[in-house]
Amino acid sequence: MRLGISALLFNLDKALELCREVDRINHIEVGIDNLDECIKLSKYKGEFDKLNLSLGIHLPMELNSCENIKYIRKSWIDFINKIEDGLKDLNIEYFNMHLGYVISERLYKNRIKYLDNSVSFFEELLKVSNKRLSIENTYSKSGDFSNIGYICDDFEYIFNKIKSQNLCFCYDTGHNLINNSDYISNLNDRLEIIHLSDNNGIDDSHLGIGRGILHENEIKKLLSVNAKYLILEINHNHIKETIDILDKIKKRGMIYPFLIY
């Protein structure tokens, strides 16, 4: 399992400096939103190679695989293809994305309709993309719009429809603390990426381990799964501290409590 951190373009230089300081970090997942950012990111190829970093891309959260308007849904596929082409000089391991969002009332009335939209989206995308695609659990709070993909059933439905091994699952611990569902047991065979963070169960604050309510049993379970990437999607100031805690868990088994004073 490769150990990674997350970054955006604005703090990528700081993230790479952290990778130089902690040589165990050998993966980085970078979030990008716009096509022009592909040019900016590609300029870091030499740094990625020098540090022996594998690279994943987190696609924009505005992407909506369950969009009901076919023209718009196709435009998102075209956008991803352009992102992929814009990053062709980089060795991208995967693209990661959330499923999307729906007007809440419509989702509650006909969830399957929007899941089928997502299935169609991924089937079409996988036909034209050469990259591995991961889909990530999220959370949803009451409002006019709801995210889809905050319960395990959504992903089971999609994976039952799409057997391609180029579609895999990204498990986010912070999101699961807000909307809990048993992803690890039910999606273990498709789980390849872990986003590890802590929070208070209300806000997705990307805290280091021990600064929220994430229990050590959950972490022990995660360390035993056959994922390819463990990404510390947390405040960069908490990275070293979190790695120390993970080392203690692996070395001594259960440690309690995780409270950081």
Protein backbone atom coordinates (compact mmCIF):
# COMPACT_ATOMS: atom_id res chain seq x y z
CA MET A 1 0.00 0.00 0.00
CA ARG A 2 1.51 3.31 -1.10
CA LEU A 3 1.37 6.16 1.42
CA GLY A 4 0.17 9.43 -0.04
CA ILE A 5 -0.95 12.94 0.75
CA SER A 6 -3.43 15.21 -1.00
CA ALA A 7 -2.86 18.66 -2.46
CA LEU A 8 -4.31 21.38 -4.63
CA LEU A 9 -2.28 23.47 -7.02
CA PHE A 10 -2.11 26.39 -4.61
CA ASN A 11 -0.36 24.31 -1.93
CA LEU A 12 1.43 21.77 -4.13
CA ASP A 13 4.87 23.27 -3.48
CA LYS A 14 4.32 22.90 0.28
CA ALA A 15 3.10 19.33 -0.25
CA LEU A 16 6.21 18.43 -2.26
CA GLU A 17 8.42 19.91 0.43
CA LEU A 18 6.69 17.60 2.91
CA CYS A 19 7.37 14.66 0.58
CA ARG A 20 11.07 15.58 0.64
CA GLU A 21 11.05 15.65 4.44
CA VAL A 22 9.14 12.37 4.85
CA ASP A 23 10.59 9.96 2.32
CA ARG A 24 7.99 7.31 3.14
CA ILE A 25 5.42 9.40 1.27
CA ASN A 26 5.50 7.99 -2.26
CA HIS A 27 2.14 9.06 -3.68
CA ILE A 28 0.29 12.34 -4.14
CA GLU A 29 -3.30 13.02 -5.18
CA VAL A 30 -3.83 16.46 -6.71
CA GLY A 31 -7.20 18.10 -7.12
CA ILE A 32 -7.77 20.18 -10.24
CA ASP A 33 -10.85 22.08 -11.40
CA ASN A 34 -10.04 23.69 -14.75
CA LEU A 35 -8.39 22.71 -18.02
CA ASP A 36 -5.72 25.40 -17.77
CA GLU A 37 -4.52 23.78 -14.55
CA CYS A 38 -3.32 20.78 -16.59
CA ILE A 39 -0.53 22.92 -18.03
CA LYS A 40 0.47 24.14 -14.59
CA LEU A 41 0.46 20.65 -13.10
CA SER A 42 2.44 19.15 -15.99
CA LYS A 43 5.32 21.49 -15.16
CA TYR A 44 5.85 19.49 -11.96
CA LYS A 45 6.68 16.27 -13.83
CA GLY A 46 10.36 16.54 -12.99
CA GLU A 47 9.62 16.96 -9.28
CA PHE A 48 7.26 13.97 -9.26
CA ASP A 49 9.89 11.82 -10.98
CA LYS A 50 12.71 13.01 -8.73
CA LEU A 51 10.71 12.14 -5.61
CA ASN A 52 9.49 8.84 -7.10
CA LEU A 53 5.88 9.88 -6.51
CA SER A 54 2.99 8.09 -8.14
CA LEU A 55 0.17 10.47 -9.03
CA GLY A 56 -3.61 10.45 -8.79
CA ILE A 57 -6.03 13.17 -9.85
CA HIS A 58 -9.10 14.25 -7.90
CA LEU A 59 -11.58 15.59 -10.43
CA PRO A 60 -13.79 18.60 -9.63
CA MET A 61 -16.57 18.04 -7.12
CA GLU A 62 -18.92 19.88 -9.48
CA LEU A 63 -18.87 16.86 -11.80
CA ASN A 64 -22.26 15.18 -11.86
CA SER A 65 -22.45 11.62 -13.16
CA CYS A 66 -26.17 11.39 -12.33
CA GLU A 67 -27.11 14.55 -14.27
CA ASN A 68 -30.49 13.99 -15.94
CA ILE A 69 -29.88 16.22 -18.97
CA LYS A 70 -28.00 13.99 -21.41
CA TYR A 71 -26.27 16.87 -23.19
CA ILE A 72 -24.79 18.14 -19.92
CA ARG A 73 -23.87 14.63 -18.78
CA LYS A 74 -21.98 14.09 -22.03
CA SER A 75 -20.24 17.44 -21.61
CA TRP A 76 -18.77 16.18 -18.34
CA ILE A 77 -17.39 13.12 -20.16
CA ASP A 78 -15.86 15.40 -22.79
CA PHE A 79 -14.37 17.53 -20.00
CA ILE A 80 -12.73 14.52 -18.35
CA ASN A 81 -11.32 13.42 -21.71
CA LYS A 82 -9.78 16.87 -22.17
CA ILE A 83 -8.32 16.71 -18.66
CA GLU A 84 -6.82 13.32 -19.46
CA ASP A 85 -5.36 14.64 -22.72
CA GLY A 86 -4.02 17.74 -20.97
CA LEU A 87 -2.15 15.54 -18.49
CA LYS A 88 -0.85 13.02 -21.03
CA ASP A 89 2.77 13.82 -20.20
CA LEU A 90 2.22 12.71 -16.60
CA ASN A 91 1.90 9.12 -15.46
CA ILE A 92 -1.55 9.31 -13.89
CA GLU A 93 -2.49 6.21 -11.89
CA TYR A 94 -6.20 7.04 -11.62
CA PHE A 95 -8.87 9.71 -11.71
CA ASN A 96 -11.06 9.99 -8.62
CA MET A 97 -14.50 11.61 -8.44
CA HIS A 98 -17.73 11.88 -6.46
CA LEU A 99 -20.97 10.60 -7.98
CA GLY A 100 -22.79 13.92 -8.06
CA TYR A 101 -25.95 15.57 -6.80
CA VAL A 102 -29.70 15.72 -7.41
CA ILE A 103 -32.63 17.90 -6.36
CA SER A 104 -33.52 16.22 -3.06
CA GLU A 105 -37.21 15.69 -3.70
CA ARG A 106 -36.50 14.02 -7.05
CA LEU A 107 -33.82 11.80 -5.56
CA TYR A 108 -36.11 10.57 -2.78
CA LYS A 109 -38.86 9.76 -5.29
CA ASN A 110 -36.72 7.90 -7.83
CA ARG A 111 -33.20 7.14 -6.66
CA ILE A 112 -32.74 4.31 -9.16
CA LYS A 113 -33.31 6.68 -12.09
CA TYR A 114 -30.32 8.78 -11.06
CA LEU A 115 -28.15 5.77 -10.27
CA ASP A 116 -28.90 4.52 -13.79
CA ASN A 117 -27.75 7.90 -15.09
CA SER A 118 -24.46 7.33 -13.24
CA VAL A 119 -24.17 3.83 -14.69
CA SER A 120 -24.63 5.22 -18.20
CA PHE A 121 -22.08 7.95 -17.48
CA PHE A 122 -19.39 5.52 -16.32
CA GLU A 123 -20.09 3.03 -19.10
CA GLU A 124 -19.57 5.76 -21.70
CA LEU A 125 -16.54 7.20 -19.93
CA LEU A 126 -14.83 3.83 -19.62
CA LYS A 127 -15.25 3.28 -23.37
CA VAL A 128 -13.16 6.34 -24.22
CA SER A 129 -10.80 6.68 -21.24
CA ASN A 130 -7.54 4.79 -20.85
CA LYS A 131 -7.27 5.55 -17.16
CA ARG A 132 -8.48 3.83 -14.04
CA LEU A 133 -11.46 5.59 -12.47
CA SER A 134 -12.36 5.55 -8.79
CA ILE A 135 -15.64 6.68 -7.26
CA GLU A 136 -15.72 8.01 -3.72
CA ASN A 137 -18.30 7.92 -0.94
CA THR A 138 -19.45 11.30 0.23
CA TYR A 139 -21.99 12.71 2.69
CA SER A 140 -25.18 14.68 2.34
CA LYS A 141 -26.99 17.15 4.59
CA SER A 142 -30.63 18.14 4.27
CA GLY A 143 -31.31 20.87 1.73
CA ASP A 144 -32.70 21.51 -1.73
CA PHE A 145 -29.94 19.38 -3.27
CA SER A 146 -28.57 16.06 -2.04
CA ASN A 147 -25.37 14.28 -2.92
CA ILE A 148 -25.70 10.76 -4.20
CA GLY A 149 -23.18 8.20 -2.99
CA TYR A 150 -23.55 8.64 0.76
CA ILE A 151 -24.83 5.09 1.32
CA CYS A 152 -23.18 1.81 0.39
CA ASP A 153 -26.24 0.69 -1.61
CA ASP A 154 -25.51 3.34 -4.26
CA PHE A 155 -22.08 1.88 -4.99
CA GLU A 156 -23.25 -1.72 -4.82
CA TYR A 157 -25.87 -0.88 -7.44
CA ILE A 158 -23.27 0.68 -9.75
CA PHE A 159 -20.68 -2.07 -9.31
CA ASN A 160 -23.31 -4.76 -9.90
CA LYS A 161 -24.06 -3.10 -13.22
CA ILE A 162 -20.46 -2.37 -14.23
CA LYS A 163 -18.04 -5.28 -13.95
CA SER A 164 -15.04 -3.50 -15.48
CA GLN A 165 -12.04 -3.61 -13.18
CA ASN A 166 -11.12 -0.12 -14.41
CA LEU A 167 -13.83 1.20 -12.09
CA CYS A 168 -12.89 0.97 -8.42
CA PHE A 169 -13.90 2.39 -5.05
CA CYS A 170 -12.31 5.15 -2.96
CA TYR A 171 -13.27 5.02 0.72
CA ASP A 172 -13.22 8.32 2.59
CA THR A 173 -13.19 7.94 6.38
CA GLY A 174 -14.09 11.56 7.06
CA HIS A 175 -17.19 11.38 4.88
CA ASN A 176 -18.19 8.12 6.52
CA LEU A 177 -18.02 9.71 9.96
CA ILE A 178 -20.76 12.10 8.81
CA ASN A 179 -22.91 9.57 6.91
CA ASN A 180 -22.02 6.10 8.15
CA SER A 181 -22.40 3.03 5.94
CA ASP A 182 -20.60 -0.32 5.88
CA TYR A 183 -18.42 0.24 2.83
CA ILE A 184 -15.42 -1.82 3.90
CA SER A 185 -17.31 -5.10 4.34
CA ASN A 186 -19.51 -4.71 1.28
CA LEU A 187 -17.09 -3.17 -1.21
CA ASN A 188 -13.82 -4.72 -0.12
CA ASP A 189 -13.26 -6.38 -3.51
CA ARG A 190 -13.45 -3.01 -5.33
CA LEU A 191 -11.69 -0.88 -2.70
CA GLU A 192 -8.34 0.39 -3.99
CA ILE A 193 -7.99 3.88 -2.51
CA ILE A 194 -8.42 5.14 1.05
CA HIS A 195 -8.77 8.80 1.98
CA LEU A 196 -7.88 8.94 5.65
CA SER A 197 -8.96 11.89 7.80
CA ASP A 198 -10.68 12.60 11.09
CA ASN A 199 -13.45 15.00 12.12
CA ASN A 200 -16.19 15.58 14.71
CA GLY A 201 -18.88 13.68 12.80
CA ILE A 202 -20.49 16.93 11.64
CA ASP A 203 -17.96 18.93 9.63
CA ASP A 204 -15.61 17.50 7.00
CA SER A 205 -12.65 19.33 8.51
CA HIS A 206 -9.82 16.98 7.36
CA LEU A 207 -8.17 16.68 10.74
CA GLY A 208 -5.22 14.48 11.56
CA ILE A 209 -5.90 11.14 13.22
CA GLY A 210 -6.67 11.55 16.92
CA ARG A 211 -8.20 15.00 16.57
CA GLY A 212 -11.74 13.79 15.97
CA ILE A 213 -13.91 10.75 16.62
CA LEU A 214 -12.40 8.16 14.25
CA HIS A 215 -11.95 5.02 16.32
CA GLU A 216 -8.77 2.95 16.30
CA ASN A 217 -10.74 -0.18 15.37
CA GLU A 218 -11.69 1.47 12.11
CA ILE A 219 -8.06 2.29 11.40
CA LYS A 220 -6.91 -1.24 12.20
CA LYS A 221 -9.52 -2.55 9.80
CA LEU A 222 -8.31 -0.18 7.08
CA LEU A 223 -4.69 -1.17 7.54
CA SER A 224 -5.65 -4.79 6.91
CA VAL A 225 -7.47 -4.28 3.60
CA ASN A 226 -5.80 -4.85 0.26
CA ALA A 227 -5.94 -1.25 -0.97
CA LYS A 228 -3.26 0.21 -3.25
CA TYR A 229 -3.17 3.75 -1.86
CA LEU A 230 -3.57 5.17 1.63
CA ILE A 231 -3.89 8.93 1.24
CA LEU A 232 -3.68 11.25 4.24
CA GLU A 233 -6.29 13.79 3.15
CA ILE A 234 -5.59 16.03 6.11
CA ASN A 235 -4.10 19.35 7.15
CA HIS A 236 -0.45 19.18 6.12
CA ASN A 237 0.58 20.28 9.62
CA HIS A 238 -0.91 17.03 10.96
CA ILE A 239 0.86 14.66 8.54
CA LYS A 240 3.91 13.70 10.61
CA GLU A 241 1.85 13.30 13.76
CA THR A 242 -0.64 11.06 11.95
CA ILE A 243 2.12 8.88 10.50
CA ASP A 244 3.51 8.40 14.00
CA ILE A 245 0.07 7.29 15.23
CA LEU A 246 -0.33 4.87 12.32
CA ASP A 247 3.08 3.38 13.12
CA LYS A 248 2.02 2.81 16.72
CA ILE A 249 -1.19 1.12 15.63
CA LYS A 250 0.70 -1.23 13.33
CA LYS A 251 3.39 -1.96 15.92
CA ARG A 252 1.37 -2.33 19.11
CA GLY A 253 -2.10 -3.11 17.84
CA MET A 254 -4.78 -1.26 19.77
CA ILE A 255 -3.77 2.03 21.35
CA TYR A 256 -6.27 4.14 23.23
CA PRO A 257 -7.09 6.92 23.50
CA PHE A 258 -5.95 8.86 20.41
CA LEU A 259 -6.55 12.22 22.01
CA ILE A 260 -4.06 14.91 21.04
CA TYR A 261 -3.60 17.62 23.62
